[in-house]
Amino acid sequence: MPDLVGPLPGPRSRAVRAREHRVLYRGTSEHLAPIVLARKSGFVVEDLDGNLLLDMASASASVPLGACHPRLVEAAITALRR
């Protein structure tokens, strides 16, 4: 399922990481992954540059719930609207 359309990290991910270095505390996340994620569905993540990758780092607490399960998304939207 991985589909690389360009280098890792791509230019958009590198640009965001460069901005993070200017405004965020160093060491917050760049050691976890050099890419910046745009979306996730199931076990696939897509970075800002359109590369599709297998998600090998999901938080263990969210794994039993699944990624973007429609009922969980709706519950989150409802809670945010309150």
N, C-alpha and C. Protein backbone atom coordinates (compact mmCIF):
# COMPACT_ATOMS: atom_id res chain seq x y z
N MET A 1 0.79 -1.20 0.00
CA MET A 1 0.00 0.00 0.00
C MET A 1 0.84 1.27 0.00
N PRO A 2 2.06 1.27 0.51
CA PRO A 2 2.83 2.51 0.44
C PRO A 2 2.94 2.99 -1.01
N ASP A 3 2.82 4.28 -1.19
CA ASP A 3 2.93 4.89 -2.51
C ASP A 3 3.70 6.19 -2.36
N LEU A 4 4.96 6.15 -2.70
CA LEU A 4 5.80 7.33 -2.58
C LEU A 4 5.77 8.10 -3.89
N VAL A 5 5.33 9.35 -3.81
CA VAL A 5 5.27 10.19 -5.00
C VAL A 5 6.45 11.16 -5.05
N GLY A 6 7.25 11.14 -4.01
CA GLY A 6 8.42 12.02 -3.95
C GLY A 6 9.32 11.61 -2.81
N PRO A 7 10.34 12.40 -2.54
CA PRO A 7 11.29 12.06 -1.49
C PRO A 7 10.67 12.23 -0.10
N LEU A 8 11.28 11.56 0.86
CA LEU A 8 10.87 11.70 2.27
C LEU A 8 12.00 12.37 3.05
N PRO A 9 11.76 13.42 3.75
CA PRO A 9 10.54 14.20 3.73
C PRO A 9 10.46 15.04 2.45
N GLY A 10 9.24 15.31 2.03
CA GLY A 10 9.02 16.12 0.83
C GLY A 10 9.15 17.61 1.13
N PRO A 11 9.05 18.43 0.12
CA PRO A 11 9.25 19.86 0.31
C PRO A 11 8.23 20.52 1.25
N ARG A 12 6.99 20.10 1.20
CA ARG A 12 5.99 20.70 2.09
C ARG A 12 6.24 20.30 3.54
N SER A 13 6.60 19.03 3.77
CA SER A 13 6.92 18.60 5.14
C SER A 13 8.16 19.33 5.65
N ARG A 14 9.16 19.48 4.82
CA ARG A 14 10.38 20.20 5.23
C ARG A 14 10.07 21.65 5.58
N ALA A 15 9.19 22.27 4.81
CA ALA A 15 8.83 23.68 5.08
C ALA A 15 8.13 23.82 6.44
N VAL A 16 7.21 22.90 6.73
CA VAL A 16 6.52 22.97 8.02
C VAL A 16 7.49 22.71 9.15
N ARG A 17 8.37 21.72 9.00
CA ARG A 17 9.36 21.43 10.05
C ARG A 17 10.29 22.63 10.27
N ALA A 18 10.65 23.32 9.20
CA ALA A 18 11.50 24.51 9.35
C ALA A 18 10.78 25.59 10.15
N ARG A 19 9.49 25.77 9.87
CA ARG A 19 8.72 26.75 10.64
C ARG A 19 8.60 26.32 12.10
N GLU A 20 8.38 25.02 12.34
CA GLU A 20 8.31 24.52 13.71
C GLU A 20 9.58 24.86 14.48
N HIS A 21 10.71 24.71 13.84
CA HIS A 21 11.99 25.00 14.51
C HIS A 21 12.09 26.45 14.94
N ARG A 22 11.40 27.33 14.21
CA ARG A 22 11.43 28.75 14.57
C ARG A 22 10.48 29.09 15.71
N VAL A 23 9.38 28.32 15.85
CA VAL A 23 8.34 28.73 16.80
C VAL A 23 8.08 27.74 17.94
N LEU A 24 8.51 26.51 17.83
CA LEU A 24 8.24 25.51 18.87
C LEU A 24 9.50 25.13 19.64
N TYR A 25 9.27 24.60 20.82
CA TYR A 25 10.36 24.06 21.64
C TYR A 25 11.04 22.93 20.89
N ARG A 26 12.32 22.96 20.83
CA ARG A 26 13.08 21.91 20.12
C ARG A 26 12.87 20.56 20.79
N GLY A 27 12.80 19.53 19.98
CA GLY A 27 12.67 18.18 20.50
C GLY A 27 11.24 17.74 20.73
N THR A 28 10.27 18.49 20.21
CA THR A 28 8.88 18.11 20.46
C THR A 28 8.42 16.93 19.62
N SER A 29 8.82 16.88 18.35
CA SER A 29 8.30 15.79 17.53
C SER A 29 9.18 15.37 16.37
N GLU A 30 10.17 16.15 16.01
CA GLU A 30 10.90 15.81 14.79
C GLU A 30 11.65 14.49 14.89
N HIS A 31 11.94 14.04 16.11
CA HIS A 31 12.62 12.76 16.25
C HIS A 31 11.67 11.59 15.98
N LEU A 32 10.37 11.83 16.03
CA LEU A 32 9.41 10.75 15.78
C LEU A 32 9.27 10.45 14.30
N ALA A 33 9.18 11.49 13.50
CA ALA A 33 9.04 11.32 12.05
C ALA A 33 9.41 12.63 11.37
N PRO A 34 10.14 12.57 10.29
CA PRO A 34 10.51 13.80 9.59
C PRO A 34 9.39 14.34 8.71
N ILE A 35 8.33 13.56 8.56
CA ILE A 35 7.22 13.98 7.70
C ILE A 35 6.15 14.66 8.54
N VAL A 36 5.26 15.38 7.87
CA VAL A 36 4.11 16.00 8.52
C VAL A 36 2.86 15.37 7.91
N LEU A 37 2.02 14.81 8.77
CA LEU A 37 0.85 14.09 8.27
C LEU A 37 -0.29 15.03 7.93
N ALA A 38 -0.96 14.72 6.84
CA ALA A 38 -2.12 15.50 6.40
C ALA A 38 -3.41 14.79 6.79
N ARG A 39 -3.41 13.46 6.70
CA ARG A 39 -4.63 12.70 7.03
C ARG A 39 -4.27 11.25 7.31
N LYS A 40 -5.23 10.57 7.92
CA LYS A 40 -5.08 9.16 8.25
C LYS A 40 -6.40 8.46 8.05
N SER A 41 -6.36 7.28 7.51
CA SER A 41 -7.55 6.46 7.36
C SER A 41 -7.14 5.01 7.54
N GLY A 42 -7.69 4.39 8.56
CA GLY A 42 -7.30 3.01 8.84
C GLY A 42 -5.82 2.93 9.17
N PHE A 43 -5.09 2.11 8.46
CA PHE A 43 -3.67 1.92 8.72
C PHE A 43 -2.79 2.72 7.76
N VAL A 44 -3.39 3.61 6.98
CA VAL A 44 -2.64 4.40 6.00
C VAL A 44 -2.62 5.86 6.42
N VAL A 45 -1.43 6.47 6.35
CA VAL A 45 -1.29 7.90 6.59
C VAL A 45 -0.79 8.55 5.30
N GLU A 46 -1.19 9.80 5.11
CA GLU A 46 -0.73 10.56 3.96
C GLU A 46 -0.02 11.80 4.46
N ASP A 47 1.17 12.05 3.95
CA ASP A 47 1.88 13.25 4.37
C ASP A 47 1.45 14.44 3.52
N LEU A 48 1.96 15.62 3.86
CA LEU A 48 1.59 16.85 3.15
C LEU A 48 1.96 16.82 1.68
N ASP A 49 2.89 15.95 1.32
CA ASP A 49 3.37 15.88 -0.05
C ASP A 49 2.70 14.79 -0.88
N GLY A 50 1.70 14.11 -0.29
CA GLY A 50 0.95 13.10 -1.02
C GLY A 50 1.51 11.70 -0.96
N ASN A 51 2.55 11.47 -0.16
CA ASN A 51 3.08 10.13 0.01
C ASN A 51 2.17 9.33 0.93
N LEU A 52 1.83 8.11 0.54
CA LEU A 52 1.02 7.22 1.37
C LEU A 52 1.94 6.22 2.06
N LEU A 53 1.76 6.09 3.36
CA LEU A 53 2.63 5.23 4.17
C LEU A 53 1.80 4.38 5.11
N LEU A 54 2.33 3.25 5.51
CA LEU A 54 1.69 2.43 6.54
C LEU A 54 1.93 3.07 7.88
N ASP A 55 0.88 3.17 8.70
CA ASP A 55 1.00 3.75 10.03
C ASP A 55 1.57 2.70 10.97
N MET A 56 2.81 2.90 11.36
CA MET A 56 3.47 1.95 12.26
C MET A 56 3.65 2.55 13.65
N ALA A 57 3.03 3.72 13.91
CA ALA A 57 3.27 4.41 15.17
C ALA A 57 2.00 4.91 15.84
N SER A 58 0.86 4.31 15.54
CA SER A 58 -0.37 4.76 16.18
C SER A 58 -0.25 4.62 17.69
N ALA A 59 -0.91 5.53 18.36
CA ALA A 59 -0.93 5.45 19.82
C ALA A 59 -1.68 4.19 20.24
N SER A 60 -1.11 3.45 21.16
CA SER A 60 -1.72 2.17 21.54
C SER A 60 -3.10 2.36 22.15
N ALA A 61 -3.37 3.51 22.74
CA ALA A 61 -4.69 3.74 23.34
C ALA A 61 -5.77 3.87 22.28
N SER A 62 -5.41 4.34 21.08
CA SER A 62 -6.44 4.54 20.06
C SER A 62 -6.60 3.34 19.13
N VAL A 63 -5.69 2.41 19.17
CA VAL A 63 -5.74 1.27 18.26
C VAL A 63 -7.04 0.47 18.40
N PRO A 64 -7.52 0.16 19.61
CA PRO A 64 -8.76 -0.60 19.71
C PRO A 64 -9.97 0.13 19.14
N LEU A 65 -9.91 1.46 19.10
CA LEU A 65 -11.05 2.25 18.60
C LEU A 65 -11.04 2.39 17.09
N GLY A 66 -9.88 2.26 16.48
CA GLY A 66 -9.78 2.42 15.04
C GLY A 66 -9.56 3.88 14.67
N ALA A 67 -9.12 4.11 13.46
CA ALA A 67 -8.84 5.46 13.00
C ALA A 67 -10.02 5.99 12.21
N CYS A 68 -10.51 7.13 12.61
CA CYS A 68 -11.60 7.81 11.91
C CYS A 68 -12.88 6.99 11.83
N HIS A 69 -13.16 6.22 12.87
CA HIS A 69 -14.41 5.48 12.88
C HIS A 69 -15.55 6.50 12.86
N PRO A 70 -16.52 6.33 11.97
CA PRO A 70 -17.58 7.33 11.81
C PRO A 70 -18.31 7.70 13.11
N ARG A 71 -18.56 6.73 13.98
CA ARG A 71 -19.26 7.04 15.24
C ARG A 71 -18.38 7.88 16.15
N LEU A 72 -17.07 7.61 16.16
CA LEU A 72 -16.17 8.41 16.99
C LEU A 72 -16.02 9.83 16.43
N VAL A 73 -15.96 9.94 15.12
CA VAL A 73 -15.85 11.27 14.50
C VAL A 73 -17.10 12.08 14.81
N GLU A 74 -18.27 11.48 14.68
CA GLU A 74 -19.50 12.20 14.97
C GLU A 74 -19.57 12.60 16.45
N ALA A 75 -19.15 11.71 17.34
CA ALA A 75 -19.16 12.05 18.77
C ALA A 75 -18.21 13.22 19.05
N ALA A 76 -17.08 13.23 18.40
CA ALA A 76 -16.13 14.34 18.59
C ALA A 76 -16.71 15.64 18.06
N ILE A 77 -17.33 15.60 16.89
CA ILE A 77 -17.93 16.81 16.31
C ILE A 77 -19.04 17.34 17.22
N THR A 78 -19.87 16.44 17.73
CA THR A 78 -20.95 16.84 18.64
C THR A 78 -20.38 17.50 19.88
N ALA A 79 -19.34 16.91 20.45
CA ALA A 79 -18.73 17.47 21.66
C ALA A 79 -18.11 18.83 21.39
N LEU A 80 -17.48 18.99 20.24
CA LEU A 80 -16.85 20.27 19.91
C LEU A 80 -17.88 21.38 19.68
N ARG A 81 -19.05 21.01 19.23
CA ARG A 81 -20.09 22.02 18.98
C ARG A 81 -20.74 22.52 20.26
N ARG A 82 -20.57 21.81 21.36
CA ARG A 82 -21.17 22.23 22.64
C ARG A 82 -20.46 23.40 23.21
